[in-house]
Each structure stands twice: as structure tokens, then as C-alpha cells.
């Protein structure tokens, strides 16, 4: 499934409407960079340049990371088309914070290495 098409659909933009692609791609790649900095995605980073990049390309096939898709949508929405009310913005920010915590939990479980005491 295409990352760009999914994000456009979640923003209410038809997949064939390319008028906002430059702006969406800029924000989308910023969010993917943030995810890379917290340990999600390919080690050497990831960039979406068109509608051919897929979620599997970025996340692999781990179903525990499905929430990354919602996280990306919310972050891009705040950057590209924020809600008009502060209440809605605060609700989205709270959800983003929860997703960041949950994403970190998955990452830490995978990367956690027990400390072996020296003898």
C-alpha cells in the first residue's frame, strides 16, 4: 500500500490530485525522519518521492508497527492542515504523544539487550 496515497486519503485528498503533493511530501518525509531518529524504519533513513514507496518498504511486515500509519497521518495533518480549534489540536497532540510512547515500547522490546554483569 502506497504511503503517499494513504496519507493523501487520510487528509481527504483524492489520490489523483497532485496539487498538494510537494507540501505533503515535505511534511511526510519530516515525520519519517523523526521516526528514524527514534529507531523506526531503515537504519539509513527513508524518503518518499512519489506514490511507489510502500508501508512495507518503510516498516517491514511487523504488525506491531501498524500504529505508525496513524501516527504519520496525525503528524502530517498537524503540519499540513491543522484543525481550526485548539481543542482539536490538543486532542491530536495527546494522541501523537501516546503513539510515540507505544512506538518506543515496541522499539525498546526489539532492541533491548540485558546487561550481563562482569564476573
PDB file of N, CA and C in Angstrom:
ATOM      1  N   UNK A   1       0.842  -1.171   0.000  1.00  0.00           N
ATOM      2  CA  UNK A   1       0.000   0.000   0.000  1.00  0.00           C
ATOM      3  C   UNK A   1       0.893   1.242   0.000  1.00  0.00           C
ATOM      4  N   UNK A   2       0.621   2.148  -0.888  1.00  0.00           N
ATOM      5  CA  UNK A   2       1.424   3.353  -1.057  1.00  0.00           C
ATOM      6  C   UNK A   2       1.324   4.272   0.166  1.00  0.00           C
ATOM      7  N   UNK A   3       2.462   4.733   0.647  1.00  0.00           N
ATOM      8  CA  UNK A   3       2.480   5.662   1.779  1.00  0.00           C
ATOM      9  C   UNK A   3       1.835   6.979   1.377  1.00  0.00           C
ATOM     10  N   UNK A   4       2.238   7.535   0.253  1.00  0.00           N
ATOM     11  CA  UNK A   4       1.707   8.829  -0.175  1.00  0.00           C
ATOM     12  C   UNK A   4       0.197   8.768  -0.400  1.00  0.00           C
ATOM     13  N   UNK A   5      -0.280   7.740  -1.080  1.00  0.00           N
ATOM     14  CA  UNK A   5      -1.719   7.633  -1.345  1.00  0.00           C
ATOM     15  C   UNK A   5      -2.492   7.477  -0.042  1.00  0.00           C
ATOM     16  N   UNK A   6      -1.968   6.694   0.887  1.00  0.00           N
ATOM     17  CA  UNK A   6      -2.625   6.514   2.180  1.00  0.00           C
ATOM     18  C   UNK A   6      -2.717   7.834   2.934  1.00  0.00           C
ATOM     19  N   UNK A   7      -1.630   8.583   2.968  1.00  0.00           N
ATOM     20  CA  UNK A   7      -1.629   9.863   3.674  1.00  0.00           C
ATOM     21  C   UNK A   7      -2.578  10.843   2.996  1.00  0.00           C
ATOM     22  N   UNK A   8      -2.553  10.898   1.675  1.00  0.00           N
ATOM     23  CA  UNK A   8      -3.468  11.795   0.962  1.00  0.00           C
ATOM     24  C   UNK A   8      -4.919  11.435   1.267  1.00  0.00           C
ATOM     25  N   UNK A   9      -5.238  10.148   1.249  1.00  0.00           N
ATOM     26  CA  UNK A   9      -6.603   9.719   1.541  1.00  0.00           C
ATOM     27  C   UNK A   9      -7.007  10.115   2.959  1.00  0.00           C
ATOM     28  N   UNK A  10      -6.096   9.937   3.919  1.00  0.00           N
ATOM     29  CA  UNK A  10      -6.414  10.283   5.305  1.00  0.00           C
ATOM     30  C   UNK A  10      -6.609  11.784   5.488  1.00  0.00           C
ATOM     31  N   UNK A  11      -6.039  12.582   4.583  1.00  0.00           N
ATOM     32  CA  UNK A  11      -6.214  14.034   4.618  1.00  0.00           C
ATOM     33  C   UNK A  11      -7.431  14.490   3.813  1.00  0.00           C
ATOM     34  N   UNK A  12      -8.115  13.531   3.182  1.00  0.00           N
ATOM     35  CA  UNK A  12      -9.288  13.865   2.388  1.00  0.00           C
ATOM     36  C   UNK A  12      -8.959  14.368   1.000  1.00  0.00           C
ATOM     37  N   UNK A  13      -7.793  14.001   0.489  1.00  0.00           N
ATOM     38  CA  UNK A  13      -7.351  14.439  -0.836  1.00  0.00           C
ATOM     39  C   UNK A  13      -7.383  13.242  -1.784  1.00  0.00           C
ATOM     40  N   UNK A  14      -7.992  13.416  -2.930  1.00  0.00           N
ATOM     41  CA  UNK A  14      -8.055  12.350  -3.926  1.00  0.00           C
ATOM     42  C   UNK A  14      -6.644  11.959  -4.354  1.00  0.00           C
ATOM     43  N   UNK A  15      -6.427  10.663  -4.516  1.00  0.00           N
ATOM     44  CA  UNK A  15      -5.085  10.182  -4.863  1.00  0.00           C
ATOM     45  C   UNK A  15      -4.589  10.722  -6.199  1.00  0.00           C
ATOM     46  N   UNK A  16      -5.494  11.117  -7.081  1.00  0.00           N
ATOM     47  CA  UNK A  16      -5.097  11.652  -8.386  1.00  0.00           C
ATOM     48  C   UNK A  16      -4.849  13.155  -8.369  1.00  0.00           C
ATOM     49  N   UNK A  17      -5.203  13.811  -7.287  1.00  0.00           N
ATOM     50  CA  UNK A  17      -4.981  15.252  -7.153  1.00  0.00           C
ATOM     51  C   UNK A  17      -3.544  15.479  -6.696  1.00  0.00           C
ATOM     52  N   UNK A  18      -2.720  16.017  -7.573  1.00  0.00           N
ATOM     53  CA  UNK A  18      -1.297  16.202  -7.268  1.00  0.00           C
ATOM     54  C   UNK A  18      -0.968  17.637  -6.857  1.00  0.00           C
ATOM     55  N   UNK A  19      -1.978  18.476  -6.679  1.00  0.00           N
ATOM     56  CA  UNK A  19      -1.757  19.895  -6.370  1.00  0.00           C
ATOM     57  C   UNK A  19      -0.990  20.113  -5.075  1.00  0.00           C
ATOM     58  N   UNK A  20      -1.156  19.219  -4.114  1.00  0.00           N
ATOM     59  CA  UNK A  20      -0.534  19.400  -2.806  1.00  0.00           C
ATOM     60  C   UNK A  20       0.611  18.427  -2.545  1.00  0.00           C
ATOM     61  N   UNK A  21       0.982  17.634  -3.534  1.00  0.00           N
ATOM     62  CA  UNK A  21       1.993  16.594  -3.318  1.00  0.00           C
ATOM     63  C   UNK A  21       3.310  17.135  -2.776  1.00  0.00           C
ATOM     64  N   UNK A  22       3.774  18.251  -3.284  1.00  0.00           N
ATOM     65  CA  UNK A  22       5.046  18.807  -2.821  1.00  0.00           C
ATOM     66  C   UNK A  22       4.998  19.118  -1.329  1.00  0.00           C
ATOM     67  N   UNK A  23       3.923  19.756  -0.886  1.00  0.00           N
ATOM     68  CA  UNK A  23       3.782  20.089   0.540  1.00  0.00           C
ATOM     69  C   UNK A  23       3.618  18.833   1.392  1.00  0.00           C
ATOM     70  N   UNK A  24       2.782  17.918   0.927  1.00  0.00           N
ATOM     71  CA  UNK A  24       2.553  16.687   1.689  1.00  0.00           C
ATOM     72  C   UNK A  24       3.842  15.890   1.796  1.00  0.00           C
ATOM     73  N   UNK A  25       4.577  15.763   0.697  1.00  0.00           N
ATOM     74  CA  UNK A  25       5.838  15.013   0.723  1.00  0.00           C
ATOM     75  C   UNK A  25       6.849  15.638   1.676  1.00  0.00           C
ATOM     76  N   UNK A  26       6.917  16.964   1.695  1.00  0.00           N
ATOM     77  CA  UNK A  26       7.842  17.634   2.607  1.00  0.00           C
ATOM     78  C   UNK A  26       7.517  17.262   4.054  1.00  0.00           C
ATOM     79  N   UNK A  27       6.251  17.387   4.435  1.00  0.00           N
ATOM     80  CA  UNK A  27       5.849  17.082   5.813  1.00  0.00           C
ATOM     81  C   UNK A  27       5.965  15.587   6.099  1.00  0.00           C
ATOM     82  N   UNK A  28       5.575  14.771   5.155  1.00  0.00           N
ATOM     83  CA  UNK A  28       5.652  13.322   5.316  1.00  0.00           C
ATOM     84  C   UNK A  28       7.088  12.877   5.566  1.00  0.00           C
ATOM     85  N   UNK A  29       8.017  13.386   4.791  1.00  0.00           N
ATOM     86  CA  UNK A  29       9.419  12.997   4.964  1.00  0.00           C
ATOM     87  C   UNK A  29       9.997  13.525   6.269  1.00  0.00           C
ATOM     88  N   UNK A  30       9.512  14.660   6.742  1.00  0.00           N
ATOM     89  CA  UNK A  30       9.937  15.154   8.057  1.00  0.00           C
ATOM     90  C   UNK A  30       9.494  14.193   9.151  1.00  0.00           C
ATOM     91  N   UNK A  31       8.269  13.711   9.050  1.00  0.00           N
ATOM     92  CA  UNK A  31       7.747  12.769  10.049  1.00  0.00           C
ATOM     93  C   UNK A  31       8.513  11.449   9.983  1.00  0.00           C
ATOM     94  N   UNK A  32       8.807  10.981   8.777  1.00  0.00           N
ATOM     95  CA  UNK A  32       9.580   9.743   8.643  1.00  0.00           C
ATOM     96  C   UNK A  32      10.983   9.905   9.220  1.00  0.00           C
ATOM     97  N   UNK A  33      11.557  11.089   9.093  1.00  0.00           N
ATOM     98  CA  UNK A  33      12.869  11.357   9.701  1.00  0.00           C
ATOM     99  C   UNK A  33      12.785  11.306  11.220  1.00  0.00           C
ATOM    100  N   UNK A  34      11.712  11.854  11.758  1.00  0.00           N
ATOM    101  CA  UNK A  34      11.502  11.780  13.215  1.00  0.00           C
ATOM    102  C   UNK A  34      11.412  10.329  13.654  1.00  0.00           C
ATOM    103  N   UNK A  35      10.655   9.524  12.927  1.00  0.00           N
ATOM    104  CA  UNK A  35      10.537   8.107  13.263  1.00  0.00           C
ATOM    105  C   UNK A  35      11.895   7.416  13.173  1.00  0.00           C
ATOM    106  N   UNK A  36      12.678   7.765  12.174  1.00  0.00           N
ATOM    107  CA  UNK A  36      14.009   7.179  12.046  1.00  0.00           C
ATOM    108  C   UNK A  36      14.878   7.505  13.254  1.00  0.00           C
ATOM    109  N   UNK A  37      14.753   8.724  13.766  1.00  0.00           N
ATOM    110  CA  UNK A  37      15.550   9.130  14.919  1.00  0.00           C
ATOM    111  C   UNK A  37      15.170   8.374  16.186  1.00  0.00           C
ATOM    112  N   UNK A  38      13.936   7.866  16.241  1.00  0.00           N
ATOM    113  CA  UNK A  38      13.559   7.067  17.419  1.00  0.00           C
ATOM    114  C   UNK A  38      13.663   5.566  17.137  1.00  0.00           C
ATOM    115  N   UNK A  39      14.264   5.214  15.987  1.00  0.00           N
ATOM    116  CA  UNK A  39      14.587   3.821  15.728  1.00  0.00           C
ATOM    117  C   UNK A  39      13.601   3.052  14.879  1.00  0.00           C
ATOM    118  N   UNK A  40      12.725   3.736  14.157  1.00  0.00           N
ATOM    119  CA  UNK A  40      11.741   3.057  13.309  1.00  0.00           C
ATOM    120  C   UNK A  40      12.099   3.307  11.854  1.00  0.00           C
ATOM    121  N   UNK A  41      12.043   2.251  11.064  1.00  0.00           N
ATOM    122  CA  UNK A  41      12.361   2.357   9.642  1.00  0.00           C
ATOM    123  C   UNK A  41      13.781   1.912   9.366  1.00  0.00           C
ATOM    124  N   UNK A  42      14.176   1.962   8.105  1.00  0.00           N
ATOM    125  CA  UNK A  42      15.530   1.545   7.726  1.00  0.00           C
ATOM    126  C   UNK A  42      16.599   2.371   8.453  1.00  0.00           C
ATOM    127  N   UNK A  43      17.696   1.735   8.814  1.00  0.00           N
ATOM    128  CA  UNK A  43      18.771   2.402   9.553  1.00  0.00           C
ATOM    129  C   UNK A  43      19.329   3.628   8.833  1.00  0.00           C
ATOM    130  N   UNK A  44      19.384   3.567   7.517  1.00  0.00           N
ATOM    131  CA  UNK A  44      19.967   4.680   6.762  1.00  0.00           C
ATOM    132  C   UNK A  44      18.934   5.707   6.325  1.00  0.00           C
ATOM    133  N   UNK A  45      17.734   5.658   6.905  1.00  0.00           N
ATOM    134  CA  UNK A  45      16.692   6.632   6.601  1.00  0.00           C
ATOM    135  C   UNK A  45      15.793   6.174   5.474  1.00  0.00           C
ATOM    136  N   UNK A  46      14.796   6.987   5.190  1.00  0.00           N
ATOM    137  CA  UNK A  46      13.807   6.636   4.173  1.00  0.00           C
ATOM    138  C   UNK A  46      13.187   7.915   3.643  1.00  0.00           C
ATOM    139  N   UNK A  47      12.979   7.969   2.332  1.00  0.00           N
ATOM    140  CA  UNK A  47      12.376   9.142   1.723  1.00  0.00           C
ATOM    141  C   UNK A  47      11.309   8.719   0.728  1.00  0.00           C
ATOM    142  N   UNK A  48      10.158   9.354   0.816  1.00  0.00           N
ATOM    143  CA  UNK A  48       9.081   9.130  -0.139  1.00  0.00           C
ATOM    144  C   UNK A  48       9.171  10.240  -1.181  1.00  0.00           C
ATOM    145  N   UNK A  49       9.266   9.850  -2.454  1.00  0.00           N
ATOM    146  CA  UNK A  49       9.350  10.850  -3.528  1.00  0.00           C
ATOM    147  C   UNK A  49       8.149  10.787  -4.465  1.00  0.00           C
ATOM    148  N   UNK A  50       7.389   9.684  -4.386  1.00  0.00           N
ATOM    149  CA  UNK A  50       6.210   9.516  -5.227  1.00  0.00           C
ATOM    150  C   UNK A  50       5.310   8.452  -4.601  1.00  0.00           C
ATOM    151  N   UNK A  51       4.338   7.970  -5.369  1.00  0.00           N
ATOM    152  CA  UNK A  51       3.388   7.020  -4.791  1.00  0.00           C
ATOM    153  C   UNK A  51       3.837   5.563  -4.871  1.00  0.00           C
ATOM    154  N   UNK A  52       5.104   5.312  -5.176  1.00  0.00           N
ATOM    155  CA  UNK A  52       5.573   3.923  -5.269  1.00  0.00           C
ATOM    156  C   UNK A  52       6.113   3.384  -3.954  1.00  0.00           C
ATOM    157  N   UNK A  53       6.512   4.248  -3.023  1.00  0.00           N
ATOM    158  CA  UNK A  53       7.030   3.793  -1.728  1.00  0.00           C
ATOM    159  C   UNK A  53       5.871   3.230  -0.900  1.00  0.00           C
ATOM    160  N   UNK A  54       6.077   2.056  -0.322  1.00  0.00           N
ATOM    161  CA  UNK A  54       5.005   1.399   0.438  1.00  0.00           C
ATOM    162  C   UNK A  54       5.330   1.360   1.926  1.00  0.00           C
ATOM    163  N   UNK A  55       4.275   1.100   2.706  1.00  0.00           N
ATOM    164  CA  UNK A  55       4.469   0.963   4.152  1.00  0.00           C
ATOM    165  C   UNK A  55       5.386  -0.217   4.447  1.00  0.00           C
ATOM    166  N   UNK A  56       5.288  -1.271   3.669  1.00  0.00           N
ATOM    167  CA  UNK A  56       6.162  -2.430   3.864  1.00  0.00           C
ATOM    168  C   UNK A  56       7.621  -2.061   3.610  1.00  0.00           C
ATOM    169  N   UNK A  57       7.866  -1.190   2.628  1.00  0.00           N
ATOM    170  CA  UNK A  57       9.238  -0.718   2.376  1.00  0.00           C
ATOM    171  C   UNK A  57       9.791  -0.022   3.616  1.00  0.00           C
ATOM    172  N   UNK A  58       8.950   0.745   4.289  1.00  0.00           N
ATOM    173  CA  UNK A  58       9.394   1.524   5.447  1.00  0.00           C
ATOM    174  C   UNK A  58       9.390   0.712   6.735  1.00  0.00           C
ATOM    175  N   UNK A  59       8.343  -0.078   6.974  1.00  0.00           N
ATOM    176  CA  UNK A  59       8.174  -0.754   8.263  1.00  0.00           C
ATOM    177  C   UNK A  59       8.500  -2.231   8.249  1.00  0.00           C
ATOM    178  N   UNK A  60       8.610  -2.827   7.082  1.00  0.00           N
ATOM    179  CA  UNK A  60       8.712  -4.271   7.028  1.00  0.00           C
ATOM    180  C   UNK A  60       7.321  -4.858   7.200  1.00  0.00           C
ATOM    181  N   UNK A  61       7.235  -6.018   7.828  1.00  0.00           N
ATOM    182  CA  UNK A  61       5.942  -6.693   7.955  1.00  0.00           C
ATOM    183  C   UNK A  61       5.515  -6.891   9.409  1.00  0.00           C
ATOM    184  N   UNK A  62       6.083  -6.138  10.320  1.00  0.00           N
ATOM    185  CA  UNK A  62       5.771  -6.282  11.740  1.00  0.00           C
ATOM    186  C   UNK A  62       4.412  -5.630  12.050  1.00  0.00           C
ATOM    187  N   UNK A  63       3.383  -6.425  12.368  1.00  0.00           N
ATOM    188  CA  UNK A  63       2.060  -5.849  12.634  1.00  0.00           C
ATOM    189  C   UNK A  63       2.014  -4.986  13.894  1.00  0.00           C
ATOM    190  N   UNK A  64       3.007  -5.107  14.760  1.00  0.00           N
ATOM    191  CA  UNK A  64       3.038  -4.261  15.968  1.00  0.00           C
ATOM    192  C   UNK A  64       3.275  -2.797  15.612  1.00  0.00           C
ATOM    193  N   UNK A  65       3.737  -2.539  14.399  1.00  0.00           N
ATOM    194  CA  UNK A  65       4.024  -1.168  13.987  1.00  0.00           C
ATOM    195  C   UNK A  65       2.899  -0.552  13.147  1.00  0.00           C
ATOM    196  N   UNK A  66       1.745  -1.209  13.094  1.00  0.00           N
ATOM    197  CA  UNK A  66       0.629  -0.654  12.324  1.00  0.00           C
ATOM    198  C   UNK A  66       0.228   0.728  12.815  1.00  0.00           C
ATOM    199  N   UNK A  67       0.415   1.010  14.089  1.00  0.00           N
ATOM    200  CA  UNK A  67       0.040   2.321  14.625  1.00  0.00           C
ATOM    201  C   UNK A  67       0.906   3.445  14.070  1.00  0.00           C
ATOM    202  N   UNK A  68       2.027   3.105  13.463  1.00  0.00           N
ATOM    203  CA  UNK A  68       2.876   4.121  12.835  1.00  0.00           C
ATOM    204  C   UNK A  68       2.104   4.843  11.731  1.00  0.00           C
ATOM    205  N   UNK A  69       1.237   4.135  11.042  1.00  0.00           N
ATOM    206  CA  UNK A  69       0.456   4.747   9.965  1.00  0.00           C
ATOM    207  C   UNK A  69      -0.446   5.854  10.508  1.00  0.00           C
ATOM    208  N   UNK A  70      -1.104   5.584  11.624  1.00  0.00           N
ATOM    209  CA  UNK A  70      -1.959   6.608  12.248  1.00  0.00           C
ATOM    210  C   UNK A  70      -1.120   7.758  12.770  1.00  0.00           C
ATOM    211  N   UNK A  71       0.029   7.433  13.340  1.00  0.00           N
ATOM    212  CA  UNK A  71       0.946   8.458  13.843  1.00  0.00           C
ATOM    213  C   UNK A  71       1.366   9.396  12.709  1.00  0.00           C
ATOM    214  N   UNK A  72       1.750   8.818  11.585  1.00  0.00           N
ATOM    215  CA  UNK A  72       2.186   9.624  10.439  1.00  0.00           C
ATOM    216  C   UNK A  72       1.050  10.525   9.972  1.00  0.00           C
ATOM    217  N   UNK A  73      -0.148   9.970   9.877  1.00  0.00           N
ATOM    218  CA  UNK A  73      -1.295  10.785   9.454  1.00  0.00           C
ATOM    219  C   UNK A  73      -1.491  11.974  10.381  1.00  0.00           C
ATOM    220  N   UNK A  74      -1.501  11.732  11.689  1.00  0.00           N
ATOM    221  CA  UNK A  74      -1.757  12.821  12.638  1.00  0.00           C
ATOM    222  C   UNK A  74      -0.668  13.892  12.580  1.00  0.00           C
ATOM    223  N   UNK A  75       0.587  13.460  12.502  1.00  0.00           N
ATOM    224  CA  UNK A  75       1.683  14.431  12.429  1.00  0.00           C
ATOM    225  C   UNK A  75       1.617  15.249  11.142  1.00  0.00           C
ATOM    226  N   UNK A  76       1.361  14.579  10.011  1.00  0.00           N
ATOM    227  CA  UNK A  76       1.264  15.300   8.738  1.00  0.00           C
ATOM    228  C   UNK A  76       0.058  16.234   8.771  1.00  0.00           C
ATOM    229  N   UNK A  77      -1.042  15.785   9.344  1.00  0.00           N
ATOM    230  CA  UNK A  77      -2.232  16.646   9.412  1.00  0.00           C
ATOM    231  C   UNK A  77      -1.947  17.921  10.196  1.00  0.00           C
ATOM    232  N   UNK A  78      -1.268  17.780  11.327  1.00  0.00           N
ATOM    233  CA  UNK A  78      -0.943  18.978  12.114  1.00  0.00           C
ATOM    234  C   UNK A  78      -0.045  19.941  11.345  1.00  0.00           C
ATOM    235  N   UNK A  79       0.830  19.417  10.539  1.00  0.00           N
ATOM    236  CA  UNK A  79       1.735  20.259   9.760  1.00  0.00           C
ATOM    237  C   UNK A  79       1.078  20.822   8.507  1.00  0.00           C
ATOM    238  N   UNK A  80       0.273  20.016   7.840  1.00  0.00           N
ATOM    239  CA  UNK A  80      -0.294  20.389   6.546  1.00  0.00           C
ATOM    240  C   UNK A  80      -1.642  21.109   6.667  1.00  0.00           C
ATOM    241  N   UNK A  81      -2.515  20.598   7.538  1.00  0.00           N
ATOM    242  CA  UNK A  81      -3.876  21.132   7.626  1.00  0.00           C
ATOM    243  C   UNK A  81      -4.382  21.023   9.064  1.00  0.00           C
ATOM    244  N   UNK A  82      -3.853  21.851   9.964  1.00  0.00           N
ATOM    245  CA  UNK A  82      -4.250  21.730  11.371  1.00  0.00           C
ATOM    246  C   UNK A  82      -5.715  22.108  11.574  1.00  0.00           C
ATOM    247  N   UNK A  83      -6.357  21.497  12.577  1.00  0.00           N
ATOM    248  CA  UNK A  83      -7.741  21.841  12.886  1.00  0.00           C
ATOM    249  C   UNK A  83      -7.861  23.309  13.292  1.00  0.00           C
ATOM    250  N   UNK A  84      -9.070  23.828  13.205  1.00  0.00           N
ATOM    251  CA  UNK A  84      -9.309  25.240  13.499  1.00  0.00           C
ATOM    252  C   UNK A  84      -9.378  25.535  14.994  1.00  0.00           C
ATOM    253  N   UNK A  85      -9.712  24.530  15.801  1.00  0.00           N
ATOM    254  CA  UNK A  85      -9.876  24.790  17.235  1.00  0.00           C
ATOM    255  C   UNK A  85      -8.702  24.244  18.035  1.00  0.00           C
ATOM    256  N   UNK A  86      -8.402  24.913  19.119  1.00  0.00           N
ATOM    257  CA  UNK A  86      -7.314  24.459  19.988  1.00  0.00           C
ATOM    258  C   UNK A  86      -7.665  23.134  20.665  1.00  0.00           C
ATOM    259  N   UNK A  87      -8.965  22.889  20.869  1.00  0.00           N
ATOM    260  CA  UNK A  87      -9.375  21.623  21.487  1.00  0.00           C
ATOM    261  C   UNK A  87      -9.012  20.445  20.595  1.00  0.00           C
ATOM    262  N   UNK A  88      -9.272  20.580  19.299  1.00  0.00           N
ATOM    263  CA  UNK A  88      -8.944  19.511  18.363  1.00  0.00           C
ATOM    264  C   UNK A  88      -7.434  19.345  18.239  1.00  0.00           C
ATOM    265  N   UNK A  89      -6.715  20.438  18.207  1.00  0.00           N
ATOM    266  CA  UNK A  89      -5.250  20.373  18.134  1.00  0.00           C
ATOM    267  C   UNK A  89      -4.695  19.669  19.368  1.00  0.00           C
ATOM    268  N   UNK A  90      -5.197  20.026  20.545  1.00  0.00           N
ATOM    269  CA  UNK A  90      -4.733  19.392  21.778  1.00  0.00           C
ATOM    270  C   UNK A  90      -5.044  17.895  21.792  1.00  0.00           C
ATOM    271  N   UNK A  91      -6.217  17.511  21.280  1.00  0.00           N
ATOM    272  CA  UNK A  91      -6.583  16.094  21.228  1.00  0.00           C
ATOM    273  C   UNK A  91      -5.639  15.330  20.303  1.00  0.00           C
ATOM    274  N   UNK A  92      -5.325  15.915  19.162  1.00  0.00           N
ATOM    275  CA  UNK A  92      -4.398  15.269  18.226  1.00  0.00           C
ATOM    276  C   UNK A  92      -3.014  15.166  18.847  1.00  0.00           C
ATOM    277  N   UNK A  93      -2.561  16.223  19.502  1.00  0.00           N
ATOM    278  CA  UNK A  93      -1.243  16.187  20.151  1.00  0.00           C
ATOM    279  C   UNK A  93      -1.184  15.117  21.233  1.00  0.00           C
ATOM    280  N   UNK A  94      -2.264  14.947  21.976  1.00  0.00           N
ATOM    281  CA  UNK A  94      -2.302  13.912  23.019  1.00  0.00           C
ATOM    282  C   UNK A  94      -2.217  12.526  22.387  1.00  0.00           C
ATOM    283  N   UNK A  95      -2.918  12.328  21.282  1.00  0.00           N
ATOM    284  CA  UNK A  95      -2.868  11.036  20.602  1.00  0.00           C
ATOM    285  C   UNK A  95      -1.479  10.783  20.035  1.00  0.00           C
ATOM    286  N   UNK A  96      -0.844  11.806  19.486  1.00  0.00           N
ATOM    287  CA  UNK A  96       0.519  11.684  18.965  1.00  0.00           C
ATOM    288  C   UNK A  96       1.476  11.274  20.082  1.00  0.00           C
ATOM    289  N   UNK A  97       1.336  11.893  21.234  1.00  0.00           N
ATOM    290  CA  UNK A  97       2.195  11.573  22.378  1.00  0.00           C
ATOM    291  C   UNK A  97       2.019  10.111  22.790  1.00  0.00           C
ATOM    292  N   UNK A  98       0.768   9.647  22.806  1.00  0.00           N
ATOM    293  CA  UNK A  98       0.526   8.237  23.159  1.00  0.00           C
ATOM    294  C   UNK A  98       1.152   7.312  22.119  1.00  0.00           C
ATOM    295  N   UNK A  99       0.963   7.627  20.840  1.00  0.00           N
ATOM    296  CA  UNK A  99       1.556   6.796  19.794  1.00  0.00           C
ATOM    297  C   UNK A  99       3.077   6.773  19.897  1.00  0.00           C
ATOM    298  N   UNK A 100       3.698   7.919  20.182  1.00  0.00           N
ATOM    299  CA  UNK A 100       5.158   7.952  20.333  1.00  0.00           C
ATOM    300  C   UNK A 100       5.600   7.046  21.471  1.00  0.00           C
ATOM    301  N   UNK A 101       4.867   7.058  22.556  1.00  0.00           N
ATOM    302  CA  UNK A 101       5.209   6.187  23.686  1.00  0.00           C
ATOM    303  C   UNK A 101       5.089   4.726  23.271  1.00  0.00           C
ATOM    304  N   UNK A 102       3.989   4.381  22.614  1.00  0.00           N
ATOM    305  CA  UNK A 102       3.764   2.991  22.207  1.00  0.00           C
ATOM    306  C   UNK A 102       4.785   2.538  21.155  1.00  0.00           C
ATOM    307  N   UNK A 103       5.142   3.412  20.237  1.00  0.00           N
ATOM    308  CA  UNK A 103       6.165   3.087  19.240  1.00  0.00           C
ATOM    309  C   UNK A 103       7.489   2.813  19.937  1.00  0.00           C
ATOM    310  N   UNK A 104       7.825   3.634  20.931  1.00  0.00           N
ATOM    311  CA  UNK A 104       9.054   3.421  21.692  1.00  0.00           C
ATOM    312  C   UNK A 104       9.032   2.103  22.451  1.00  0.00           C
ATOM    313  N   UNK A 105       7.877   1.702  22.956  1.00  0.00           N
ATOM    314  CA  UNK A 105       7.765   0.424  23.654  1.00  0.00           C
ATOM    315  C   UNK A 105       8.123  -0.720  22.708  1.00  0.00           C
ATOM    316  N   UNK A 106       7.564  -0.690  21.505  1.00  0.00           N
ATOM    317  CA  UNK A 106       7.873  -1.740  20.522  1.00  0.00           C
ATOM    318  C   UNK A 106       9.362  -1.735  20.195  1.00  0.00           C
ATOM    319  N   UNK A 107       9.908  -0.561  19.948  1.00  0.00           N
ATOM    320  CA  UNK A 107      11.327  -0.457  19.598  1.00  0.00           C
ATOM    321  C   UNK A 107      12.212  -0.937  20.727  1.00  0.00           C
ATOM    322  N   UNK A 108      11.898  -0.567  21.952  1.00  0.00           N
ATOM    323  CA  UNK A 108      12.729  -0.964  23.086  1.00  0.00           C
ATOM    324  C   UNK A 108      12.668  -2.469  23.334  1.00  0.00           C
ATOM    325  N   UNK A 109      11.522  -3.080  23.104  1.00  0.00           N
ATOM    326  CA  UNK A 109      11.419  -4.532  23.263  1.00  0.00           C
ATOM    327  C   UNK A 109      12.337  -5.224  22.259  1.00  0.00           C
ATOM    328  N   UNK A 110      12.367  -4.724  21.032  1.00  0.00           N
ATOM    329  CA  UNK A 110      13.200  -5.334  19.996  1.00  0.00           C
ATOM    330  C   UNK A 110      14.682  -5.091  20.216  1.00  0.00           C
ATOM    331  N   UNK A 111      15.039  -3.913  20.673  1.00  0.00           N
ATOM    332  CA  UNK A 111      16.450  -3.544  20.774  1.00  0.00           C
ATOM    333  C   UNK A 111      17.042  -3.729  22.163  1.00  0.00           C
ATOM    334  N   UNK A 112      16.195  -4.064  23.129  1.00  0.00           N
ATOM    335  CA  UNK A 112      16.673  -4.189  24.496  1.00  0.00           C
ATOM    336  C   UNK A 112      17.626  -5.367  24.625  1.00  0.00           C
ATOM    337  N   UNK A 113      18.761  -5.116  25.216  1.00  0.00           N
ATOM    338  CA  UNK A 113      19.754  -6.140  25.449  1.00  0.00           C
ATOM    339  C   UNK A 113      20.019  -6.188  26.950  1.00  0.00           C
ATOM    340  N   UNK A 114      19.812  -7.346  27.564  1.00  0.00           N
ATOM    341  CA  UNK A 114      20.032  -7.423  29.010  1.00  0.00           C
ATOM    342  C   UNK A 114      21.512  -7.196  29.342  1.00  0.00           C
ATOM    343  N   UNK A 115      21.717  -6.525  30.442  1.00  0.00           N
ATOM    344  CA  UNK A 115      23.084  -6.272  30.906  1.00  0.00           C
ATOM    345  C   UNK A 115      23.584  -7.531  31.593  1.00  0.00           C
ATOM    346  N   UNK A 116      24.732  -7.981  31.147  1.00  0.00           N
ATOM    347  CA  UNK A 116      25.340  -9.154  31.771  1.00  0.00           C
ATOM    348  C   UNK A 116      26.441  -8.658  32.689  1.00  0.00           C
ATOM    349  N   UNK A 117      26.297  -8.933  33.979  1.00  0.00           N
ATOM    350  CA  UNK A 117      27.332  -8.443  34.918  1.00  0.00           C
ATOM    351  C   UNK A 117      28.686  -9.124  34.651  1.00  0.00           C
ATOM    352  N   UNK A 118      29.738  -8.340  34.838  1.00  0.00           N
ATOM    353  CA  UNK A 118      31.079  -8.895  34.678  1.00  0.00           C
ATOM    354  C   UNK A 118      31.393  -9.772  35.874  1.00  0.00           C
ATOM    355  N   UNK A 119      32.065 -10.856  35.621  1.00  0.00           N
ATOM    356  CA  UNK A 119      32.450 -11.782  36.715  1.00  0.00           C
ATOM    357  C   UNK A 119      33.856 -11.561  37.138  1.00  0.00           C
TER     358      UNK A 119
END
